[in-house]
Each structure stands twice: as C-alpha cells, then as structure tokens.
PDB file of N, CA and C in Angstrom:
ATOM      1  N   UNK A   1     129.161 -98.352  70.474  1.00  0.00           N
ATOM      2  CA  UNK A   1     127.879 -99.011  70.738  1.00  0.00           C
ATOM      3  C   UNK A   1     127.887-100.402  70.116  1.00  0.00           C
ATOM      4  N   UNK A   2     127.487-101.362  70.879  1.00  0.00           N
ATOM      5  CA  UNK A   2     127.312-102.724  70.393  1.00  0.00           C
ATOM      6  C   UNK A   2     125.812-102.999  70.344  1.00  0.00           C
ATOM      7  N   UNK A   3     125.372-103.612  69.258  1.00  0.00           N
ATOM      8  CA  UNK A   3     123.945-103.854  69.071  1.00  0.00           C
ATOM      9  C   UNK A   3     123.663-105.346  69.024  1.00  0.00           C
ATOM     10  N   UNK A   4     122.631-105.763  69.763  1.00  0.00           N
ATOM     11  CA  UNK A   4     122.120-107.124  69.693  1.00  0.00           C
ATOM     12  C   UNK A   4     120.619-107.038  69.479  1.00  0.00           C
ATOM     13  N   UNK A   5     120.001-108.171  69.182  1.00  0.00           N
ATOM     14  CA  UNK A   5     118.577-108.197  68.841  1.00  0.00           C
ATOM     15  C   UNK A   5     117.852-109.262  69.657  1.00  0.00           C
ATOM     16  N   UNK A   6     116.580-108.983  69.877  1.00  0.00           N
ATOM     17  CA  UNK A   6     115.716-109.939  70.577  1.00  0.00           C
ATOM     18  C   UNK A   6     114.387-109.983  69.838  1.00  0.00           C
ATOM     19  N   UNK A   7     113.876-111.194  69.624  1.00  0.00           N
ATOM     20  CA  UNK A   7     112.576-111.389  68.984  1.00  0.00           C
ATOM     21  C   UNK A   7     111.535-111.584  70.077  1.00  0.00           C
ATOM     22  N   UNK A   8     110.435-110.873  69.937  1.00  0.00           N
ATOM     23  CA  UNK A   8     109.364-110.974  70.931  1.00  0.00           C
ATOM     24  C   UNK A   8     108.014-110.857  70.240  1.00  0.00           C
ATOM     25  N   UNK A   9     106.974-110.924  71.033  1.00  0.00           N
ATOM     26  CA  UNK A   9     105.621-110.746  70.505  1.00  0.00           C
ATOM     27  C   UNK A   9     105.133-109.334  70.832  1.00  0.00           C
ATOM     28  N   UNK A  10     104.153-108.904  70.097  1.00  0.00           N
ATOM     29  CA  UNK A  10     103.558-107.591  70.376  1.00  0.00           C
ATOM     30  C   UNK A  10     102.973-107.571  71.787  1.00  0.00           C
ATOM     31  N   UNK A  11     102.397-108.693  72.199  1.00  0.00           N
ATOM     32  CA  UNK A  11     101.785-108.788  73.532  1.00  0.00           C
ATOM     33  C   UNK A  11     102.828-108.584  74.635  1.00  0.00           C
ATOM     34  N   UNK A  12     103.961-109.278  74.541  1.00  0.00           N
ATOM     35  CA  UNK A  12     104.991-109.138  75.576  1.00  0.00           C
ATOM     36  C   UNK A  12     105.599-107.746  75.552  1.00  0.00           C
ATOM     37  N   UNK A  13     105.731-107.147  74.362  1.00  0.00           N
ATOM     38  CA  UNK A  13     106.293-105.802  74.276  1.00  0.00           C
ATOM     39  C   UNK A  13     105.331-104.785  74.894  1.00  0.00           C
ATOM     40  N   UNK A  14     104.045-104.944  74.633  1.00  0.00           N
ATOM     41  CA  UNK A  14     103.056-104.040  75.220  1.00  0.00           C
ATOM     42  C   UNK A  14     103.096-104.114  76.738  1.00  0.00           C
ATOM     43  N   UNK A  15     103.256-105.313  77.265  1.00  0.00           N
ATOM     44  CA  UNK A  15     103.373-105.493  78.716  1.00  0.00           C
ATOM     45  C   UNK A  15     104.618-104.775  79.242  1.00  0.00           C
ATOM     46  N   UNK A  16     105.707-104.859  78.488  1.00  0.00           N
ATOM     47  CA  UNK A  16     106.951-104.182  78.894  1.00  0.00           C
ATOM     48  C   UNK A  16     106.758-102.667  78.934  1.00  0.00           C
ATOM     49  N   UNK A  17     106.055-102.129  77.970  1.00  0.00           N
ATOM     50  CA  UNK A  17     105.811-100.685  77.945  1.00  0.00           C
ATOM     51  C   UNK A  17     105.010-100.250  79.170  1.00  0.00           C
ATOM     52  N   UNK A  18     104.069-101.076  79.572  1.00  0.00           N
ATOM     53  CA  UNK A  18     103.256-100.762  80.746  1.00  0.00           C
ATOM     54  C   UNK A  18     104.075-100.869  82.034  1.00  0.00           C
ATOM     55  N   UNK A  19     104.981-101.852  82.107  1.00  0.00           N
ATOM     56  CA  UNK A  19     105.792-102.069  83.306  1.00  0.00           C
ATOM     57  C   UNK A  19     107.059-101.221  83.332  1.00  0.00           C
ATOM     58  N   UNK A  20     107.435-100.674  82.167  1.00  0.00           N
ATOM     59  CA  UNK A  20     108.656 -99.873  81.982  1.00  0.00           C
ATOM     60  C   UNK A  20     109.925-100.731  82.067  1.00  0.00           C
ATOM     61  N   UNK A  21     109.770-102.051  81.826  1.00  0.00           N
ATOM     62  CA  UNK A  21     110.885-102.986  81.831  1.00  0.00           C
ATOM     63  C   UNK A  21     110.434-104.241  81.097  1.00  0.00           C
ATOM     64  N   UNK A  22     111.360-104.857  80.355  1.00  0.00           N
ATOM     65  CA  UNK A  22     111.020-106.039  79.579  1.00  0.00           C
ATOM     66  C   UNK A  22     111.601-107.289  80.233  1.00  0.00           C
ATOM     67  N   UNK A  23     110.717-108.209  80.620  1.00  0.00           N
ATOM     68  CA  UNK A  23     111.132-109.460  81.264  1.00  0.00           C
ATOM     69  C   UNK A  23     110.250-110.592  80.733  1.00  0.00           C
ATOM     70  N   UNK A  24     110.635-111.204  79.613  1.00  0.00           N
ATOM     71  CA  UNK A  24     109.827-112.285  79.042  1.00  0.00           C
ATOM     72  C   UNK A  24     109.887-113.546  79.896  1.00  0.00           C
ATOM     73  N   UNK A  25     109.034-114.522  79.605  1.00  0.00           N
ATOM     74  CA  UNK A  25     109.009-115.759  80.394  1.00  0.00           C
ATOM     75  C   UNK A  25     110.364-116.463  80.486  1.00  0.00           C
ATOM     76  N   UNK A  26     111.189-116.381  79.448  1.00  0.00           N
ATOM     77  CA  UNK A  26     112.486-117.083  79.485  1.00  0.00           C
ATOM     78  C   UNK A  26     113.375-116.588  80.624  1.00  0.00           C
ATOM     79  N   UNK A  27     113.209-115.347  81.036  1.00  0.00           N
ATOM     80  CA  UNK A  27     114.028-114.823  82.128  1.00  0.00           C
ATOM     81  C   UNK A  27     113.758-115.603  83.411  1.00  0.00           C
ATOM     82  N   UNK A  28     112.497-115.859  83.687  1.00  0.00           N
ATOM     83  CA  UNK A  28     112.135-116.622  84.889  1.00  0.00           C
ATOM     84  C   UNK A  28     112.431-118.116  84.698  1.00  0.00           C
ATOM     85  N   UNK A  29     112.116-118.636  83.512  1.00  0.00           N
ATOM     86  CA  UNK A  29     112.253-120.074  83.253  1.00  0.00           C
ATOM     87  C   UNK A  29     113.707-120.519  83.090  1.00  0.00           C
ATOM     88  N   UNK A  30     114.525-119.696  82.417  1.00  0.00           N
ATOM     89  CA  UNK A  30     115.897-120.099  82.107  1.00  0.00           C
ATOM     90  C   UNK A  30     116.954-119.224  82.775  1.00  0.00           C
ATOM     91  N   UNK A  31     116.538-118.087  83.317  1.00  0.00           N
ATOM     92  CA  UNK A  31     117.477-117.209  84.002  1.00  0.00           C
ATOM     93  C   UNK A  31     118.107-116.143  83.122  1.00  0.00           C
ATOM     94  N   UNK A  32     117.726-116.098  81.847  1.00  0.00           N
ATOM     95  CA  UNK A  32     118.263-115.086  80.941  1.00  0.00           C
ATOM     96  C   UNK A  32     117.308-114.859  79.778  1.00  0.00           C
ATOM     97  N   UNK A  33     117.577-113.797  79.024  1.00  0.00           N
ATOM     98  CA  UNK A  33     116.800-113.457  77.830  1.00  0.00           C
ATOM     99  C   UNK A  33     117.653-113.796  76.611  1.00  0.00           C
ATOM    100  N   UNK A  34     117.108-114.595  75.716  1.00  0.00           N
ATOM    101  CA  UNK A  34     117.803-114.984  74.494  1.00  0.00           C
ATOM    102  C   UNK A  34     117.892-113.802  73.538  1.00  0.00           C
ATOM    103  N   UNK A  35     119.078-113.575  72.981  1.00  0.00           N
ATOM    104  CA  UNK A  35     119.275-112.540  71.970  1.00  0.00           C
ATOM    105  C   UNK A  35     120.137-113.101  70.858  1.00  0.00           C
ATOM    106  N   UNK A  36     120.385-112.277  69.860  1.00  0.00           N
ATOM    107  CA  UNK A  36     121.233-112.696  68.752  1.00  0.00           C
ATOM    108  C   UNK A  36     121.871-111.475  68.114  1.00  0.00           C
ATOM    109  N   UNK A  37     122.839-111.731  67.246  1.00  0.00           N
ATOM    110  CA  UNK A  37     123.461-110.670  66.484  1.00  0.00           C
ATOM    111  C   UNK A  37     122.747-110.565  65.141  1.00  0.00           C
ATOM    112  N   UNK A  38     123.008-109.502  64.407  1.00  0.00           N
ATOM    113  CA  UNK A  38     122.288-109.227  63.150  1.00  0.00           C
ATOM    114  C   UNK A  38     122.311-110.418  62.203  1.00  0.00           C
ATOM    115  N   UNK A  39     123.473-111.033  62.028  1.00  0.00           N
ATOM    116  CA  UNK A  39     123.596-112.137  61.079  1.00  0.00           C
ATOM    117  C   UNK A  39     122.909-113.412  61.561  1.00  0.00           C
ATOM    118  N   UNK A  40     122.449-113.448  62.803  1.00  0.00           N
ATOM    119  CA  UNK A  40     121.790-114.626  63.362  1.00  0.00           C
ATOM    120  C   UNK A  40     120.266-114.519  63.365  1.00  0.00           C
ATOM    121  N   UNK A  41     119.741-113.333  63.106  1.00  0.00           N
ATOM    122  CA  UNK A  41     118.290-113.103  63.209  1.00  0.00           C
ATOM    123  C   UNK A  41     117.509-114.052  62.314  1.00  0.00           C
ATOM    124  N   UNK A  42     117.901-114.169  61.062  1.00  0.00           N
ATOM    125  CA  UNK A  42     117.165-115.015  60.118  1.00  0.00           C
ATOM    126  C   UNK A  42     117.102-116.470  60.590  1.00  0.00           C
ATOM    127  N   UNK A  43     118.217-117.006  61.076  1.00  0.00           N
ATOM    128  CA  UNK A  43     118.238-118.376  61.576  1.00  0.00           C
ATOM    129  C   UNK A  43     117.370-118.558  62.811  1.00  0.00           C
ATOM    130  N   UNK A  44     117.392-117.580  63.706  1.00  0.00           N
ATOM    131  CA  UNK A  44     116.554-117.635  64.906  1.00  0.00           C
ATOM    132  C   UNK A  44     115.074-117.646  64.521  1.00  0.00           C
ATOM    133  N   UNK A  45     114.709-116.794  63.580  1.00  0.00           N
ATOM    134  CA  UNK A  45     113.311-116.765  63.129  1.00  0.00           C
ATOM    135  C   UNK A  45     112.909-118.105  62.517  1.00  0.00           C
ATOM    136  N   UNK A  46     113.774-118.672  61.720  1.00  0.00           N
ATOM    137  CA  UNK A  46     113.479-119.949  61.068  1.00  0.00           C
ATOM    138  C   UNK A  46     113.361-121.089  62.079  1.00  0.00           C
ATOM    139  N   UNK A  47     114.277-121.135  63.057  1.00  0.00           N
ATOM    140  CA  UNK A  47     114.281-122.233  64.031  1.00  0.00           C
ATOM    141  C   UNK A  47     113.161-122.149  65.066  1.00  0.00           C
ATOM    142  N   UNK A  48     112.894-120.947  65.567  1.00  0.00           N
ATOM    143  CA  UNK A  48     112.013-120.827  66.730  1.00  0.00           C
ATOM    144  C   UNK A  48     110.686-120.104  66.503  1.00  0.00           C
ATOM    145  N   UNK A  49     110.568-119.386  65.389  1.00  0.00           N
ATOM    146  CA  UNK A  49     109.374-118.564  65.201  1.00  0.00           C
ATOM    147  C   UNK A  49     108.663-118.811  63.872  1.00  0.00           C
ATOM    148  N   UNK A  50     108.986-119.906  63.214  1.00  0.00           N
ATOM    149  CA  UNK A  50     108.369-120.228  61.929  1.00  0.00           C
ATOM    150  C   UNK A  50     106.851-120.297  62.089  1.00  0.00           C
ATOM    151  N   UNK A  51     106.152-119.617  61.198  1.00  0.00           N
ATOM    152  CA  UNK A  51     104.684-119.574  61.172  1.00  0.00           C
ATOM    153  C   UNK A  51     104.065-118.835  62.356  1.00  0.00           C
ATOM    154  N   UNK A  52     104.864-118.099  63.115  1.00  0.00           N
ATOM    155  CA  UNK A  52     104.311-117.285  64.213  1.00  0.00           C
ATOM    156  C   UNK A  52     104.008-115.896  63.668  1.00  0.00           C
ATOM    157  N   UNK A  53     103.006-115.259  64.236  1.00  0.00           N
ATOM    158  CA  UNK A  53     102.590-113.931  63.793  1.00  0.00           C
ATOM    159  C   UNK A  53     102.749-112.919  64.921  1.00  0.00           C
ATOM    160  N   UNK A  54     102.651-111.660  64.557  1.00  0.00           N
ATOM    161  CA  UNK A  54     102.696-110.555  65.522  1.00  0.00           C
ATOM    162  C   UNK A  54     104.034-110.489  66.256  1.00  0.00           C
ATOM    163  N   UNK A  55     105.103-110.668  65.491  1.00  0.00           N
ATOM    164  CA  UNK A  55     106.441-110.637  66.073  1.00  0.00           C
ATOM    165  C   UNK A  55     107.093-109.272  65.893  1.00  0.00           C
ATOM    166  N   UNK A  56     107.976-108.963  66.823  1.00  0.00           N
ATOM    167  CA  UNK A  56     108.750-107.727  66.783  1.00  0.00           C
ATOM    168  C   UNK A  56     110.229-108.061  66.968  1.00  0.00           C
ATOM    169  N   UNK A  57     111.071-107.248  66.378  1.00  0.00           N
ATOM    170  CA  UNK A  57     112.515-107.369  66.591  1.00  0.00           C
ATOM    171  C   UNK A  57     112.976-106.135  67.348  1.00  0.00           C
ATOM    172  N   UNK A  58     113.519-106.351  68.549  1.00  0.00           N
ATOM    173  CA  UNK A  58     114.038-105.256  69.360  1.00  0.00           C
ATOM    174  C   UNK A  58     115.517-105.075  69.055  1.00  0.00           C
ATOM    175  N   UNK A  59     115.912-103.848  68.773  1.00  0.00           N
ATOM    176  CA  UNK A  59     117.323-103.508  68.605  1.00  0.00           C
ATOM    177  C   UNK A  59     117.804-102.954  69.937  1.00  0.00           C
ATOM    178  N   UNK A  60     118.811-103.590  70.515  1.00  0.00           N
ATOM    179  CA  UNK A  60     119.254-103.268  71.871  1.00  0.00           C
ATOM    180  C   UNK A  60     120.687-102.758  71.854  1.00  0.00           C
ATOM    181  N   UNK A  61     120.901-101.597  72.462  1.00  0.00           N
ATOM    182  CA  UNK A  61     122.236-101.026  72.624  1.00  0.00           C
ATOM    183  C   UNK A  61     122.810-101.591  73.923  1.00  0.00           C
ATOM    184  N   UNK A  62     123.804-102.455  73.810  1.00  0.00           N
ATOM    185  CA  UNK A  62     124.343-103.115  75.008  1.00  0.00           C
ATOM    186  C   UNK A  62     125.040-102.138  75.953  1.00  0.00           C
ATOM    187  N   UNK A  63     125.491-101.003  75.432  1.00  0.00           N
ATOM    188  CA  UNK A  63     126.117 -99.996  76.303  1.00  0.00           C
ATOM    189  C   UNK A  63     125.114 -99.377  77.269  1.00  0.00           C
ATOM    190  N   UNK A  64     123.831 -99.450  76.923  1.00  0.00           N
ATOM    191  CA  UNK A  64     122.790 -98.838  77.754  1.00  0.00           C
ATOM    192  C   UNK A  64     122.053 -99.839  78.646  1.00  0.00           C
ATOM    193  N   UNK A  65     122.381-101.126  78.511  1.00  0.00           N
ATOM    194  CA  UNK A  65     121.720-102.149  79.328  1.00  0.00           C
ATOM    195  C   UNK A  65     122.080-101.995  80.802  1.00  0.00           C
ATOM    196  N   UNK A  66     121.076-102.125  81.662  1.00  0.00           N
ATOM    197  CA  UNK A  66     121.349-102.112  83.100  1.00  0.00           C
ATOM    198  C   UNK A  66     121.619-103.531  83.616  1.00  0.00           C
ATOM    199  N   UNK A  67     121.247-104.548  82.848  1.00  0.00           N
ATOM    200  CA  UNK A  67     121.515-105.943  83.204  1.00  0.00           C
ATOM    201  C   UNK A  67     122.747-106.438  82.456  1.00  0.00           C
ATOM    202  N   UNK A  68     123.408-107.408  83.037  1.00  0.00           N
ATOM    203  CA  UNK A  68     124.606-107.984  82.422  1.00  0.00           C
ATOM    204  C   UNK A  68     124.238-108.797  81.182  1.00  0.00           C
ATOM    205  N   UNK A  69     125.069-108.710  80.154  1.00  0.00           N
ATOM    206  CA  UNK A  69     124.903-109.577  78.993  1.00  0.00           C
ATOM    207  C   UNK A  69     126.212-110.317  78.744  1.00  0.00           C
ATOM    208  N   UNK A  70     126.079-111.577  78.330  1.00  0.00           N
ATOM    209  CA  UNK A  70     127.227-112.447  78.116  1.00  0.00           C
ATOM    210  C   UNK A  70     127.012-113.213  76.812  1.00  0.00           C
ATOM    211  N   UNK A  71     128.067-113.336  76.025  1.00  0.00           N
ATOM    212  CA  UNK A  71     128.015-114.169  74.832  1.00  0.00           C
ATOM    213  C   UNK A  71     128.367-115.592  75.243  1.00  0.00           C
ATOM    214  N   UNK A  72     127.466-116.540  74.926  1.00  0.00           N
ATOM    215  CA  UNK A  72     127.660-117.920  75.357  1.00  0.00           C
ATOM    216  C   UNK A  72     127.460-118.887  74.191  1.00  0.00           C
ATOM    217  N   UNK A  73     128.171-119.982  74.270  1.00  0.00           N
ATOM    218  CA  UNK A  73     128.154-121.009  73.246  1.00  0.00           C
ATOM    219  C   UNK A  73     126.839-121.789  73.281  1.00  0.00           C
ATOM    220  N   UNK A  74     126.292-122.038  72.088  1.00  0.00           N
ATOM    221  CA  UNK A  74     125.097-122.865  71.951  1.00  0.00           C
ATOM    222  C   UNK A  74     125.475-124.118  71.167  1.00  0.00           C
ATOM    223  N   UNK A  75     125.566-125.261  71.840  1.00  0.00           N
ATOM    224  CA  UNK A  75     125.953-126.480  71.129  1.00  0.00           C
ATOM    225  C   UNK A  75     124.951-126.894  70.052  1.00  0.00           C
ATOM    226  N   UNK A  76     123.680-126.550  70.209  1.00  0.00           N
ATOM    227  CA  UNK A  76     122.668-126.959  69.231  1.00  0.00           C
ATOM    228  C   UNK A  76     122.858-126.281  67.871  1.00  0.00           C
ATOM    229  N   UNK A  77     123.474-125.099  67.872  1.00  0.00           N
ATOM    230  CA  UNK A  77     123.699-124.393  66.604  1.00  0.00           C
ATOM    231  C   UNK A  77     125.181-124.196  66.308  1.00  0.00           C
ATOM    232  N   UNK A  78     126.034-124.607  67.230  1.00  0.00           N
ATOM    233  CA  UNK A  78     127.490-124.432  67.096  1.00  0.00           C
ATOM    234  C   UNK A  78     127.829-122.969  66.818  1.00  0.00           C
ATOM    235  N   UNK A  79     127.278-122.090  67.656  1.00  0.00           N
ATOM    236  CA  UNK A  79     127.503-120.655  67.514  1.00  0.00           C
ATOM    237  C   UNK A  79     127.409-120.004  68.902  1.00  0.00           C
ATOM    238  N   UNK A  80     127.859-118.775  68.989  1.00  0.00           N
ATOM    239  CA  UNK A  80     127.811-118.012  70.231  1.00  0.00           C
ATOM    240  C   UNK A  80     126.683-116.983  70.140  1.00  0.00           C
ATOM    241  N   UNK A  81     125.875-116.910  71.189  1.00  0.00           N
ATOM    242  CA  UNK A  81     124.741-115.987  71.226  1.00  0.00           C
ATOM    243  C   UNK A  81     124.794-115.120  72.478  1.00  0.00           C
ATOM    244  N   UNK A  82     124.310-113.874  72.383  1.00  0.00           N
ATOM    245  CA  UNK A  82     124.235-113.023  73.564  1.00  0.00           C
ATOM    246  C   UNK A  82     123.015-113.372  74.423  1.00  0.00           C
ATOM    247  N   UNK A  83     123.246-113.430  75.723  1.00  0.00           N
ATOM    248  CA  UNK A  83     122.171-113.652  76.697  1.00  0.00           C
ATOM    249  C   UNK A  83     122.194-112.499  77.690  1.00  0.00           C
ATOM    250  N   UNK A  84     121.014-112.012  78.037  1.00  0.00           N
ATOM    251  CA  UNK A  84     120.894-110.919  79.004  1.00  0.00           C
ATOM    252  C   UNK A  84     120.384-111.505  80.318  1.00  0.00           C
ATOM    253  N   UNK A  85     121.160-111.306  81.390  1.00  0.00           N
ATOM    254  CA  UNK A  85     120.854-111.888  82.696  1.00  0.00           C
ATOM    255  C   UNK A  85     120.135-110.887  83.591  1.00  0.00           C
ATOM    256  N   UNK A  86     118.933-110.551  83.185  1.00  0.00           N
ATOM    257  CA  UNK A  86     118.094-109.633  83.936  1.00  0.00           C
ATOM    258  C   UNK A  86     117.137-108.967  82.970  1.00  0.00           C
ATOM    259  N   UNK A  87     116.237-108.145  83.488  1.00  0.00           N
ATOM    260  CA  UNK A  87     115.285-107.457  82.619  1.00  0.00           C
ATOM    261  C   UNK A  87     115.996-106.459  81.710  1.00  0.00           C
ATOM    262  N   UNK A  88     115.356-106.153  80.602  1.00  0.00           N
ATOM    263  CA  UNK A  88     115.874-105.135  79.680  1.00  0.00           C
ATOM    264  C   UNK A  88     115.218-103.810  80.025  1.00  0.00           C
ATOM    265  N   UNK A  89     116.041-102.840  80.393  1.00  0.00           N
ATOM    266  CA  UNK A  89     115.516-101.492  80.628  1.00  0.00           C
ATOM    267  C   UNK A  89     115.162-100.871  79.277  1.00  0.00           C
ATOM    268  N   UNK A  90     114.038-100.196  79.208  1.00  0.00           N
ATOM    269  CA  UNK A  90     113.523 -99.703  77.925  1.00  0.00           C
ATOM    270  C   UNK A  90     114.447 -98.698  77.255  1.00  0.00           C
ATOM    271  N   UNK A  91     115.267 -98.004  78.021  1.00  0.00           N
ATOM    272  CA  UNK A  91     116.195 -97.036  77.439  1.00  0.00           C
ATOM    273  C   UNK A  91     117.226 -97.712  76.532  1.00  0.00           C
ATOM    274  N   UNK A  92     117.474 -98.995  76.742  1.00  0.00           N
ATOM    275  CA  UNK A  92     118.446 -99.726  75.928  1.00  0.00           C
ATOM    276  C   UNK A  92     117.873-100.172  74.586  1.00  0.00           C
ATOM    277  N   UNK A  93     116.549-100.135  74.447  1.00  0.00           N
ATOM    278  CA  UNK A  93     115.904-100.542  73.197  1.00  0.00           C
ATOM    279  C   UNK A  93     115.889 -99.344  72.255  1.00  0.00           C
ATOM    280  N   UNK A  94     116.684 -99.428  71.196  1.00  0.00           N
ATOM    281  CA  UNK A  94     116.859 -98.302  70.279  1.00  0.00           C
ATOM    282  C   UNK A  94     115.793 -98.276  69.188  1.00  0.00           C
ATOM    283  N   UNK A  95     115.271 -99.444  68.804  1.00  0.00           N
ATOM    284  CA  UNK A  95     114.195 -99.476  67.814  1.00  0.00           C
ATOM    285  C   UNK A  95     113.413-100.770  67.957  1.00  0.00           C
ATOM    286  N   UNK A  96     112.185-100.728  67.449  1.00  0.00           N
ATOM    287  CA  UNK A  96     111.299-101.891  67.453  1.00  0.00           C
ATOM    288  C   UNK A  96     110.758-102.028  66.041  1.00  0.00           C
ATOM    289  N   UNK A  97     111.006-103.185  65.437  1.00  0.00           N
ATOM    290  CA  UNK A  97     110.589-103.414  64.046  1.00  0.00           C
ATOM    291  C   UNK A  97     109.595-104.556  63.971  1.00  0.00           C
ATOM    292  N   UNK A  98     108.500-104.332  63.258  1.00  0.00           N
ATOM    293  CA  UNK A  98     107.534-105.414  63.041  1.00  0.00           C
ATOM    294  C   UNK A  98     108.104-106.397  62.029  1.00  0.00           C
ATOM    295  N   UNK A  99     107.894-107.674  62.289  1.00  0.00           N
ATOM    296  CA  UNK A  99     108.371-108.725  61.371  1.00  0.00           C
ATOM    297  C   UNK A  99     107.211-109.397  60.659  1.00  0.00           C
TER     298      UNK A  99
END
C-alpha cells in the first residue's frame, strides 16, 4: 500500500460524502487533485493553508484509487508531488484527520 495525503475543507468533504466521490474545484480548474506525501504535509499547510480553519487531512491508499495518480515535478518547490487525475473514490480514503 502506498499512502498519499490531500488537504481539504470540512465543507468539501461533506459534499463528497453526499456525492459518494470527492472532486474539489482544482479537478475542474487544473485537471487534477493536488496531494502530497507525509513529509510534505507541513510545508503544504504552511504555503497554502496558513490561517485557514476547518481543514481536514485525507489519508489515501493509492492501491484503491479508481483514478490515475502521477508524481510530478513542481518547480516552485523543487520537489515531486502526487496528483490525482480524476475524482477520489471514497473507498480509497483510509482516514480523515481534523487539522
């Protein structure tokens, strides 16, 4: 099992539970869902979610994803991040942690 993480809001997660699939705005706007590995979570929170409230961290089992995921280079951080090219099926979400 390979694990990646995605930061979201309680509102978007609640919508996913109702729809039985998670598809945040970035999927439509950019064509993929931004994710990270465990050691990248803190940096992602600092860069993109500073002073935001009601956040959740989704733990995703990539073996259970129905959408393709690819690790891609990010020149802005000089690191490689996982991107999911489609909605996240809820069965792939192994845990949800409040931040």
